[in-house]
């Protein structure tokens, strides 16, 4: 477990920066709700009738005139996208950095085995993402408590469980990219996260692209759907597909790295 703890120590400060930036931004936006006053209700009525735009952002399902609806439509988007970008960048650097920095020789001198190396690095990925989400949740709950209006507990847990799985899925896909590349594919990994986000928007706006909702993890962690009480079977189906993609990507990373010729 030495490598696991080493990766956790090396990535701890970066994780704290991301967590407090994303969580702090969510907290700040929550505290701004009162200052927006009547304009929020007017915006809610206006945006709810804007057709495809309203559907893409979830404003046709929940009202941003309430604190819970405001969180589900506006703030959750910051958390989901920020978490996805952090997961992508973290996953992208865990394996390829060894070849990029010429430190893989040191690792392979020890009798760890490539599979053990990958498993310990992936364990660090899971833990860092879990701590990231834990900090963000604490800051968000602090904001709700300060405002004196707590969200529905079941919906809140469902959303954050889905958000964690989404970030882990994207992080695992980028972990696979890292196993394939000889240098950290940071740009490609950020592109993967943004592409999935755009796919989620497009599948809600363009009927012909509706089936891509089964591909993008942003679809099953859409807070507006969850807080509006959308079909639970569709949500569970999306979570199941996401978990299957995650497992397949991790197994593929193991196979690729075992067979990879290190240079």
C-alpha atoms as a PDB file:
ATOM      1  CA  UNK A   1       0.000   0.000   0.000  1.00  0.00           C
ATOM      2  CA  UNK A   2       3.062   2.279  -0.085  1.00  0.00           C
ATOM      3  CA  UNK A   3       2.332   3.425  -3.640  1.00  0.00           C
ATOM      4  CA  UNK A   4      -1.318   4.097  -2.761  1.00  0.00           C
ATOM      5  CA  UNK A   5      -0.386   6.406   0.127  1.00  0.00           C
ATOM      6  CA  UNK A   6       2.317   8.069  -1.956  1.00  0.00           C
ATOM      7  CA  UNK A   7      -0.204   8.921  -4.677  1.00  0.00           C
ATOM      8  CA  UNK A   8      -2.652  10.230  -2.071  1.00  0.00           C
ATOM      9  CA  UNK A   9       0.022  12.473  -0.546  1.00  0.00           C
ATOM     10  CA  UNK A  10       1.155  13.754  -3.929  1.00  0.00           C
ATOM     11  CA  UNK A  11      -2.381  14.624  -5.053  1.00  0.00           C
ATOM     12  CA  UNK A  12      -3.764  15.821  -1.700  1.00  0.00           C
ATOM     13  CA  UNK A  13      -3.022  19.526  -2.064  1.00  0.00           C
ATOM     14  CA  UNK A  14      -4.337  19.675  -5.617  1.00  0.00           C
ATOM     15  CA  UNK A  15      -7.490  17.909  -4.493  1.00  0.00           C
ATOM     16  CA  UNK A  16      -7.998  20.443  -1.685  1.00  0.00           C
ATOM     17  CA  UNK A  17      -7.635  23.324  -4.131  1.00  0.00           C
ATOM     18  CA  UNK A  18     -10.214  21.808  -6.494  1.00  0.00           C
ATOM     19  CA  UNK A  19     -12.586  20.872  -3.666  1.00  0.00           C
ATOM     20  CA  UNK A  20     -12.579  24.274  -1.982  1.00  0.00           C
ATOM     21  CA  UNK A  21     -12.780  26.112  -5.307  1.00  0.00           C
ATOM     22  CA  UNK A  22     -15.728  24.060  -6.620  1.00  0.00           C
ATOM     23  CA  UNK A  23     -17.433  23.651  -3.229  1.00  0.00           C
ATOM     24  CA  UNK A  24     -16.786  27.287  -2.310  1.00  0.00           C
ATOM     25  CA  UNK A  25     -18.282  28.436  -5.616  1.00  0.00           C
ATOM     26  CA  UNK A  26     -21.389  26.340  -4.941  1.00  0.00           C
ATOM     27  CA  UNK A  27     -21.598  27.752  -1.400  1.00  0.00           C
ATOM     28  CA  UNK A  28     -21.238  31.305  -2.652  1.00  0.00           C
ATOM     29  CA  UNK A  29     -23.951  30.839  -5.276  1.00  0.00           C
ATOM     30  CA  UNK A  30     -26.297  29.417  -2.632  1.00  0.00           C
ATOM     31  CA  UNK A  31     -25.749  32.441  -0.402  1.00  0.00           C
ATOM     32  CA  UNK A  32     -26.528  34.743  -3.340  1.00  0.00           C
ATOM     33  CA  UNK A  33     -30.057  33.349  -3.644  1.00  0.00           C
ATOM     34  CA  UNK A  34     -31.647  35.834  -1.246  1.00  0.00           C
ATOM     35  CA  UNK A  35     -29.964  38.812  -2.853  1.00  0.00           C
ATOM     36  CA  UNK A  36     -31.472  37.884  -6.228  1.00  0.00           C
ATOM     37  CA  UNK A  37     -34.901  38.467  -4.702  1.00  0.00           C
ATOM     38  CA  UNK A  38     -37.926  38.649  -6.995  1.00  0.00           C
ATOM     39  CA  UNK A  39     -35.770  38.483 -10.126  1.00  0.00           C
ATOM     40  CA  UNK A  40     -35.321  34.717  -9.598  1.00  0.00           C
ATOM     41  CA  UNK A  41     -39.057  34.113  -9.777  1.00  0.00           C
ATOM     42  CA  UNK A  42     -39.360  36.246 -12.900  1.00  0.00           C
ATOM     43  CA  UNK A  43     -36.460  34.394 -14.505  1.00  0.00           C
ATOM     44  CA  UNK A  44     -38.071  31.068 -13.607  1.00  0.00           C
ATOM     45  CA  UNK A  45     -41.307  31.976 -15.383  1.00  0.00           C
ATOM     46  CA  UNK A  46     -39.459  33.313 -18.413  1.00  0.00           C
ATOM     47  CA  UNK A  47     -37.041  30.413 -18.843  1.00  0.00           C
ATOM     48  CA  UNK A  48     -39.651  27.696 -18.251  1.00  0.00           C
ATOM     49  CA  UNK A  49     -41.308  28.584 -21.579  1.00  0.00           C
ATOM     50  CA  UNK A  50     -38.200  28.617 -23.761  1.00  0.00           C
ATOM     51  CA  UNK A  51     -38.712  25.162 -25.259  1.00  0.00           C
ATOM     52  CA  UNK A  52     -35.540  23.175 -25.947  1.00  0.00           C
ATOM     53  CA  UNK A  53     -33.392  25.567 -23.925  1.00  0.00           C
ATOM     54  CA  UNK A  54     -35.569  24.991 -20.863  1.00  0.00           C
ATOM     55  CA  UNK A  55     -35.440  21.220 -21.367  1.00  0.00           C
ATOM     56  CA  UNK A  56     -31.649  21.235 -21.711  1.00  0.00           C
ATOM     57  CA  UNK A  57     -31.156  23.062 -18.408  1.00  0.00           C
ATOM     58  CA  UNK A  58     -34.024  21.379 -16.546  1.00  0.00           C
ATOM     59  CA  UNK A  59     -36.031  24.571 -16.056  1.00  0.00           C
ATOM     60  CA  UNK A  60     -39.158  22.892 -17.399  1.00  0.00           C
ATOM     61  CA  UNK A  61     -39.035  20.368 -14.534  1.00  0.00           C
ATOM     62  CA  UNK A  62     -38.071  22.396 -11.455  1.00  0.00           C
ATOM     63  CA  UNK A  63     -38.447  26.060 -10.569  1.00  0.00           C
ATOM     64  CA  UNK A  64     -35.380  28.171  -9.849  1.00  0.00           C
ATOM     65  CA  UNK A  65     -37.696  30.341  -7.756  1.00  0.00           C
ATOM     66  CA  UNK A  66     -37.093  27.946  -4.835  1.00  0.00           C
ATOM     67  CA  UNK A  67     -33.720  27.316  -3.204  1.00  0.00           C
ATOM     68  CA  UNK A  68     -33.901  23.587  -3.977  1.00  0.00           C
ATOM     69  CA  UNK A  69     -34.800  24.232  -7.616  1.00  0.00           C
ATOM     70  CA  UNK A  70     -32.092  26.871  -7.879  1.00  0.00           C
ATOM     71  CA  UNK A  71     -29.600  24.303  -6.598  1.00  0.00           C
ATOM     72  CA  UNK A  72     -30.861  21.569  -8.930  1.00  0.00           C
ATOM     73  CA  UNK A  73     -30.699  23.731 -12.059  1.00  0.00           C
ATOM     74  CA  UNK A  74     -27.839  26.158 -11.524  1.00  0.00           C
ATOM     75  CA  UNK A  75     -25.473  25.050  -8.769  1.00  0.00           C
ATOM     76  CA  UNK A  76     -25.450  21.322  -9.457  1.00  0.00           C
ATOM     77  CA  UNK A  77     -24.129  22.111 -12.935  1.00  0.00           C
ATOM     78  CA  UNK A  78     -21.068  23.755 -11.373  1.00  0.00           C
ATOM     79  CA  UNK A  79     -20.448  20.740  -9.147  1.00  0.00           C
ATOM     80  CA  UNK A  80     -20.959  18.157 -11.901  1.00  0.00           C
ATOM     81  CA  UNK A  81     -18.750  19.902 -14.452  1.00  0.00           C
ATOM     82  CA  UNK A  82     -16.086  20.861 -11.903  1.00  0.00           C
ATOM     83  CA  UNK A  83     -15.993  17.324 -10.501  1.00  0.00           C
ATOM     84  CA  UNK A  84     -15.812  15.809 -13.984  1.00  0.00           C
ATOM     85  CA  UNK A  85     -12.891  18.042 -14.952  1.00  0.00           C
ATOM     86  CA  UNK A  86     -11.050  17.225 -11.728  1.00  0.00           C
ATOM     87  CA  UNK A  87     -11.656  13.487 -12.172  1.00  0.00           C
ATOM     88  CA  UNK A  88     -10.464  13.678 -15.787  1.00  0.00           C
ATOM     89  CA  UNK A  89      -7.244  15.498 -14.930  1.00  0.00           C
ATOM     90  CA  UNK A  90      -6.527  13.249 -11.961  1.00  0.00           C
ATOM     91  CA  UNK A  91      -7.063  10.060 -13.972  1.00  0.00           C
ATOM     92  CA  UNK A  92      -4.975  11.375 -16.857  1.00  0.00           C
ATOM     93  CA  UNK A  93      -1.870  11.857 -14.753  1.00  0.00           C
ATOM     94  CA  UNK A  94      -1.682   8.748 -12.612  1.00  0.00           C
ATOM     95  CA  UNK A  95      -0.021   6.316 -15.025  1.00  0.00           C
ATOM     96  CA  UNK A  96       1.471   8.261 -17.924  1.00  0.00           C
ATOM     97  CA  UNK A  97       3.475  10.481 -15.562  1.00  0.00           C
ATOM     98  CA  UNK A  98       5.731   7.489 -14.783  1.00  0.00           C
ATOM     99  CA  UNK A  99       6.878   7.229 -18.399  1.00  0.00           C
ATOM    100  CA  UNK A 100       6.899  10.980 -18.893  1.00  0.00           C
ATOM    101  CA  UNK A 101       9.104  11.456 -15.825  1.00  0.00           C
ATOM    102  CA  UNK A 102      11.169   8.288 -16.447  1.00  0.00           C
ATOM    103  CA  UNK A 103      10.242   6.937 -13.001  1.00  0.00           C
ATOM    104  CA  UNK A 104       8.703   3.661 -14.219  1.00  0.00           C
ATOM    105  CA  UNK A 105      12.128   1.997 -13.992  1.00  0.00           C
ATOM    106  CA  UNK A 106      12.207   2.650 -10.254  1.00  0.00           C
ATOM    107  CA  UNK A 107       8.729   1.157  -9.831  1.00  0.00           C
ATOM    108  CA  UNK A 108       9.529  -1.955 -11.808  1.00  0.00           C
ATOM    109  CA  UNK A 109      12.721  -2.633  -9.850  1.00  0.00           C
ATOM    110  CA  UNK A 110      10.469  -3.533  -6.916  1.00  0.00           C
ATOM    111  CA  UNK A 111       8.482  -6.760  -7.012  1.00  0.00           C
ATOM    112  CA  UNK A 112       5.111  -5.004  -7.136  1.00  0.00           C
ATOM    113  CA  UNK A 113       3.912  -6.209 -10.515  1.00  0.00           C
ATOM    114  CA  UNK A 114       2.118  -3.994 -13.007  1.00  0.00           C
ATOM    115  CA  UNK A 115      -1.367  -5.059 -11.913  1.00  0.00           C
ATOM    116  CA  UNK A 116      -0.629  -4.132  -8.296  1.00  0.00           C
ATOM    117  CA  UNK A 117       0.798  -0.781  -9.391  1.00  0.00           C
ATOM    118  CA  UNK A 118      -2.369   0.017 -11.333  1.00  0.00           C
ATOM    119  CA  UNK A 119      -4.689  -1.160  -8.565  1.00  0.00           C
ATOM    120  CA  UNK A 120      -2.972   1.015  -5.965  1.00  0.00           C
ATOM    121  CA  UNK A 121      -2.993   4.034  -8.260  1.00  0.00           C
ATOM    122  CA  UNK A 122      -6.674   3.457  -9.049  1.00  0.00           C
ATOM    123  CA  UNK A 123      -7.410   3.157  -5.335  1.00  0.00           C
ATOM    124  CA  UNK A 124      -5.872   6.613  -4.887  1.00  0.00           C
ATOM    125  CA  UNK A 125      -8.129   7.914  -7.660  1.00  0.00           C
ATOM    126  CA  UNK A 126     -11.232   6.586  -5.894  1.00  0.00           C
ATOM    127  CA  UNK A 127     -10.200   7.979  -2.503  1.00  0.00           C
ATOM    128  CA  UNK A 128      -9.270  11.424  -3.863  1.00  0.00           C
ATOM    129  CA  UNK A 129     -12.602  11.721  -5.663  1.00  0.00           C
ATOM    130  CA  UNK A 130     -14.481  10.570  -2.549  1.00  0.00           C
ATOM    131  CA  UNK A 131     -12.752  13.181  -0.370  1.00  0.00           C
ATOM    132  CA  UNK A 132     -13.334  15.832  -3.038  1.00  0.00           C
ATOM    133  CA  UNK A 133     -17.061  15.112  -3.037  1.00  0.00           C
ATOM    134  CA  UNK A 134     -17.177  14.899   0.750  1.00  0.00           C
ATOM    135  CA  UNK A 135     -15.727  18.407   1.097  1.00  0.00           C
ATOM    136  CA  UNK A 136     -18.070  19.798  -1.557  1.00  0.00           C
ATOM    137  CA  UNK A 137     -21.113  18.208   0.128  1.00  0.00           C
ATOM    138  CA  UNK A 138     -20.137  19.690   3.502  1.00  0.00           C
ATOM    139  CA  UNK A 139     -19.814  23.173   2.002  1.00  0.00           C
ATOM    140  CA  UNK A 140     -23.119  22.851   0.147  1.00  0.00           C
ATOM    141  CA  UNK A 141     -24.963  21.632   3.243  1.00  0.00           C
ATOM    142  CA  UNK A 142     -23.446  24.522   5.185  1.00  0.00           C
ATOM    143  CA  UNK A 143     -24.932  26.859   2.596  1.00  0.00           C
ATOM    144  CA  UNK A 144     -28.373  25.282   2.866  1.00  0.00           C
ATOM    145  CA  UNK A 145     -28.188  25.423   6.669  1.00  0.00           C
ATOM    146  CA  UNK A 146     -27.191  29.100   6.564  1.00  0.00           C
ATOM    147  CA  UNK A 147     -30.168  29.810   4.301  1.00  0.00           C
ATOM    148  CA  UNK A 148     -32.448  27.869   6.669  1.00  0.00           C
ATOM    149  CA  UNK A 149     -33.949  25.682   3.946  1.00  0.00           C
ATOM    150  CA  UNK A 150     -32.595  22.140   3.582  1.00  0.00           C
ATOM    151  CA  UNK A 151     -33.164  20.138   0.370  1.00  0.00           C
ATOM    152  CA  UNK A 152     -35.079  16.859   0.122  1.00  0.00           C
ATOM    153  CA  UNK A 153     -32.745  14.308   1.710  1.00  0.00           C
ATOM    154  CA  UNK A 154     -33.453  11.390  -0.634  1.00  0.00           C
ATOM    155  CA  UNK A 155     -33.034  13.455  -3.795  1.00  0.00           C
ATOM    156  CA  UNK A 156     -29.893  15.075  -2.413  1.00  0.00           C
ATOM    157  CA  UNK A 157     -28.283  11.695  -1.665  1.00  0.00           C
ATOM    158  CA  UNK A 158     -29.336  10.268  -5.029  1.00  0.00           C
ATOM    159  CA  UNK A 159     -27.877  13.218  -6.908  1.00  0.00           C
ATOM    160  CA  UNK A 160     -24.556  13.193  -5.092  1.00  0.00           C
ATOM    161  CA  UNK A 161     -24.267   9.415  -5.400  1.00  0.00           C
ATOM    162  CA  UNK A 162     -24.831   9.753  -9.155  1.00  0.00           C
ATOM    163  CA  UNK A 163     -22.386  12.682  -9.353  1.00  0.00           C
ATOM    164  CA  UNK A 164     -19.669  10.643  -7.629  1.00  0.00           C
ATOM    165  CA  UNK A 165     -20.204   7.721 -10.006  1.00  0.00           C
ATOM    166  CA  UNK A 166     -20.150  10.092 -12.977  1.00  0.00           C
ATOM    167  CA  UNK A 167     -16.832  11.635 -11.919  1.00  0.00           C
ATOM    168  CA  UNK A 168     -15.378   8.184 -11.210  1.00  0.00           C
ATOM    169  CA  UNK A 169     -16.527   6.931 -14.619  1.00  0.00           C
ATOM    170  CA  UNK A 170     -14.872   9.855 -16.406  1.00  0.00           C
ATOM    171  CA  UNK A 171     -11.792   9.514 -14.202  1.00  0.00           C
ATOM    172  CA  UNK A 172     -11.545   5.806 -15.060  1.00  0.00           C
ATOM    173  CA  UNK A 173     -11.852   6.456 -18.798  1.00  0.00           C
ATOM    174  CA  UNK A 174      -9.037   8.998 -18.503  1.00  0.00           C
ATOM    175  CA  UNK A 175      -7.116   6.472 -16.384  1.00  0.00           C
ATOM    176  CA  UNK A 176      -7.351   4.161 -19.409  1.00  0.00           C
ATOM    177  CA  UNK A 177      -6.117   6.989 -21.662  1.00  0.00           C
ATOM    178  CA  UNK A 178      -3.194   7.447 -19.278  1.00  0.00           C
ATOM    179  CA  UNK A 179      -2.340   3.753 -19.614  1.00  0.00           C
ATOM    180  CA  UNK A 180      -2.394   4.067 -23.404  1.00  0.00           C
ATOM    181  CA  UNK A 181      -0.251   7.213 -23.630  1.00  0.00           C
ATOM    182  CA  UNK A 182       3.405   7.881 -22.901  1.00  0.00           C
ATOM    183  CA  UNK A 183       2.735  11.469 -21.794  1.00  0.00           C
ATOM    184  CA  UNK A 184      -0.074  12.805 -19.636  1.00  0.00           C
ATOM    185  CA  UNK A 185      -3.104  13.270 -21.939  1.00  0.00           C
ATOM    186  CA  UNK A 186      -4.447  16.259 -20.000  1.00  0.00           C
ATOM    187  CA  UNK A 187      -5.918  18.015 -23.035  1.00  0.00           C
ATOM    188  CA  UNK A 188      -7.626  14.878 -24.315  1.00  0.00           C
ATOM    189  CA  UNK A 189      -9.003  14.104 -20.854  1.00  0.00           C
ATOM    190  CA  UNK A 190     -10.496  17.573 -20.424  1.00  0.00           C
ATOM    191  CA  UNK A 191     -11.943  17.155 -23.913  1.00  0.00           C
ATOM    192  CA  UNK A 192     -13.594  13.882 -22.860  1.00  0.00           C
ATOM    193  CA  UNK A 193     -15.317  15.576 -19.899  1.00  0.00           C
ATOM    194  CA  UNK A 194     -16.516  18.525 -21.980  1.00  0.00           C
ATOM    195  CA  UNK A 195     -17.651  16.233 -24.800  1.00  0.00           C
ATOM    196  CA  UNK A 196     -19.800  14.180 -22.428  1.00  0.00           C
ATOM    197  CA  UNK A 197     -21.324  17.381 -21.048  1.00  0.00           C
ATOM    198  CA  UNK A 198     -22.155  18.666 -24.542  1.00  0.00           C
ATOM    199  CA  UNK A 199     -23.621  15.268 -25.467  1.00  0.00           C
ATOM    200  CA  UNK A 200     -25.982  15.522 -22.482  1.00  0.00           C
ATOM    201  CA  UNK A 201     -27.177  18.948 -23.614  1.00  0.00           C
ATOM    202  CA  UNK A 202     -27.566  17.858 -27.240  1.00  0.00           C
ATOM    203  CA  UNK A 203     -29.543  14.690 -26.480  1.00  0.00           C
ATOM    204  CA  UNK A 204     -32.129  16.839 -24.678  1.00  0.00           C
ATOM    205  CA  UNK A 205     -32.340  19.461 -27.417  1.00  0.00           C
ATOM    206  CA  UNK A 206     -32.121  17.335 -30.588  1.00  0.00           C
ATOM    207  CA  UNK A 207     -34.653  14.452 -30.706  1.00  0.00           C
ATOM    208  CA  UNK A 208     -32.571  12.527 -33.252  1.00  0.00           C
ATOM    209  CA  UNK A 209     -29.707  12.339 -30.728  1.00  0.00           C
ATOM    210  CA  UNK A 210     -31.822  11.117 -27.831  1.00  0.00           C
ATOM    211  CA  UNK A 211     -30.178   7.678 -27.725  1.00  0.00           C
ATOM    212  CA  UNK A 212     -26.772   9.102 -26.810  1.00  0.00           C
ATOM    213  CA  UNK A 213     -28.156   9.626 -23.308  1.00  0.00           C
ATOM    214  CA  UNK A 214     -27.067   6.021 -22.660  1.00  0.00           C
ATOM    215  CA  UNK A 215     -23.460   7.022 -23.398  1.00  0.00           C
ATOM    216  CA  UNK A 216     -22.963  10.231 -21.455  1.00  0.00           C
ATOM    217  CA  UNK A 217     -22.712   9.939 -17.648  1.00  0.00           C
ATOM    218  CA  UNK A 218     -24.013  13.495 -17.238  1.00  0.00           C
ATOM    219  CA  UNK A 219     -27.473  12.250 -18.155  1.00  0.00           C
ATOM    220  CA  UNK A 220     -28.022  10.007 -15.126  1.00  0.00           C
ATOM    221  CA  UNK A 221     -26.621  12.613 -12.720  1.00  0.00           C
ATOM    222  CA  UNK A 222     -28.866  15.427 -13.946  1.00  0.00           C
ATOM    223  CA  UNK A 223     -30.025  17.048 -10.693  1.00  0.00           C
ATOM    224  CA  UNK A 224     -33.161  18.559 -12.250  1.00  0.00           C
ATOM    225  CA  UNK A 225     -34.390  15.080 -13.222  1.00  0.00           C
ATOM    226  CA  UNK A 226     -33.583  13.677  -9.783  1.00  0.00           C
ATOM    227  CA  UNK A 227     -35.129  16.489  -7.727  1.00  0.00           C
ATOM    228  CA  UNK A 228     -38.193  16.520  -9.998  1.00  0.00           C
ATOM    229  CA  UNK A 229     -38.782  12.824  -9.224  1.00  0.00           C
ATOM    230  CA  UNK A 230     -38.071  11.482 -12.706  1.00  0.00           C
ATOM    231  CA  UNK A 231     -38.494   7.800 -13.571  1.00  0.00           C
ATOM    232  CA  UNK A 232     -36.343   5.860 -11.099  1.00  0.00           C
ATOM    233  CA  UNK A 233     -35.920   2.881 -13.448  1.00  0.00           C
ATOM    234  CA  UNK A 234     -34.313   5.131 -16.092  1.00  0.00           C
ATOM    235  CA  UNK A 235     -32.011   6.566 -13.435  1.00  0.00           C
ATOM    236  CA  UNK A 236     -30.992   3.098 -12.241  1.00  0.00           C
ATOM    237  CA  UNK A 237     -30.473   1.969 -15.835  1.00  0.00           C
ATOM    238  CA  UNK A 238     -28.142   4.918 -16.462  1.00  0.00           C
ATOM    239  CA  UNK A 239     -26.246   4.183 -13.249  1.00  0.00           C
ATOM    240  CA  UNK A 240     -25.902   0.537 -14.270  1.00  0.00           C
ATOM    241  CA  UNK A 241     -24.535   1.445 -17.705  1.00  0.00           C
ATOM    242  CA  UNK A 242     -22.125   3.895 -16.091  1.00  0.00           C
ATOM    243  CA  UNK A 243     -20.884   1.249 -13.645  1.00  0.00           C
ATOM    244  CA  UNK A 244     -20.413  -1.241 -16.507  1.00  0.00           C
ATOM    245  CA  UNK A 245     -18.404   1.284 -18.558  1.00  0.00           C
ATOM    246  CA  UNK A 246     -16.309   2.070 -15.481  1.00  0.00           C
ATOM    247  CA  UNK A 247     -15.478  -1.618 -14.884  1.00  0.00           C
ATOM    248  CA  UNK A 248     -14.717  -2.212 -18.566  1.00  0.00           C
ATOM    249  CA  UNK A 249     -12.389   0.802 -18.703  1.00  0.00           C
ATOM    250  CA  UNK A 250     -10.507  -0.316 -15.598  1.00  0.00           C
ATOM    251  CA  UNK A 251     -10.077  -3.873 -16.896  1.00  0.00           C
ATOM    252  CA  UNK A 252      -8.948  -2.497 -20.263  1.00  0.00           C
ATOM    253  CA  UNK A 253      -6.354  -0.332 -18.485  1.00  0.00           C
ATOM    254  CA  UNK A 254      -5.028  -3.437 -16.699  1.00  0.00           C
ATOM    255  CA  UNK A 255      -4.751  -5.400 -19.945  1.00  0.00           C
ATOM    256  CA  UNK A 256      -3.147  -2.515 -21.853  1.00  0.00           C
ATOM    257  CA  UNK A 257      -0.578  -1.748 -19.161  1.00  0.00           C
ATOM    258  CA  UNK A 258       0.350  -5.402 -18.687  1.00  0.00           C
ATOM    259  CA  UNK A 259       1.162  -5.704 -22.394  1.00  0.00           C
ATOM    260  CA  UNK A 260       2.618  -2.247 -22.871  1.00  0.00           C
ATOM    261  CA  UNK A 261       6.290  -1.932 -23.806  1.00  0.00           C
ATOM    262  CA  UNK A 262       7.674   0.700 -21.449  1.00  0.00           C
ATOM    263  CA  UNK A 263      10.238   3.083 -22.898  1.00  0.00           C
END
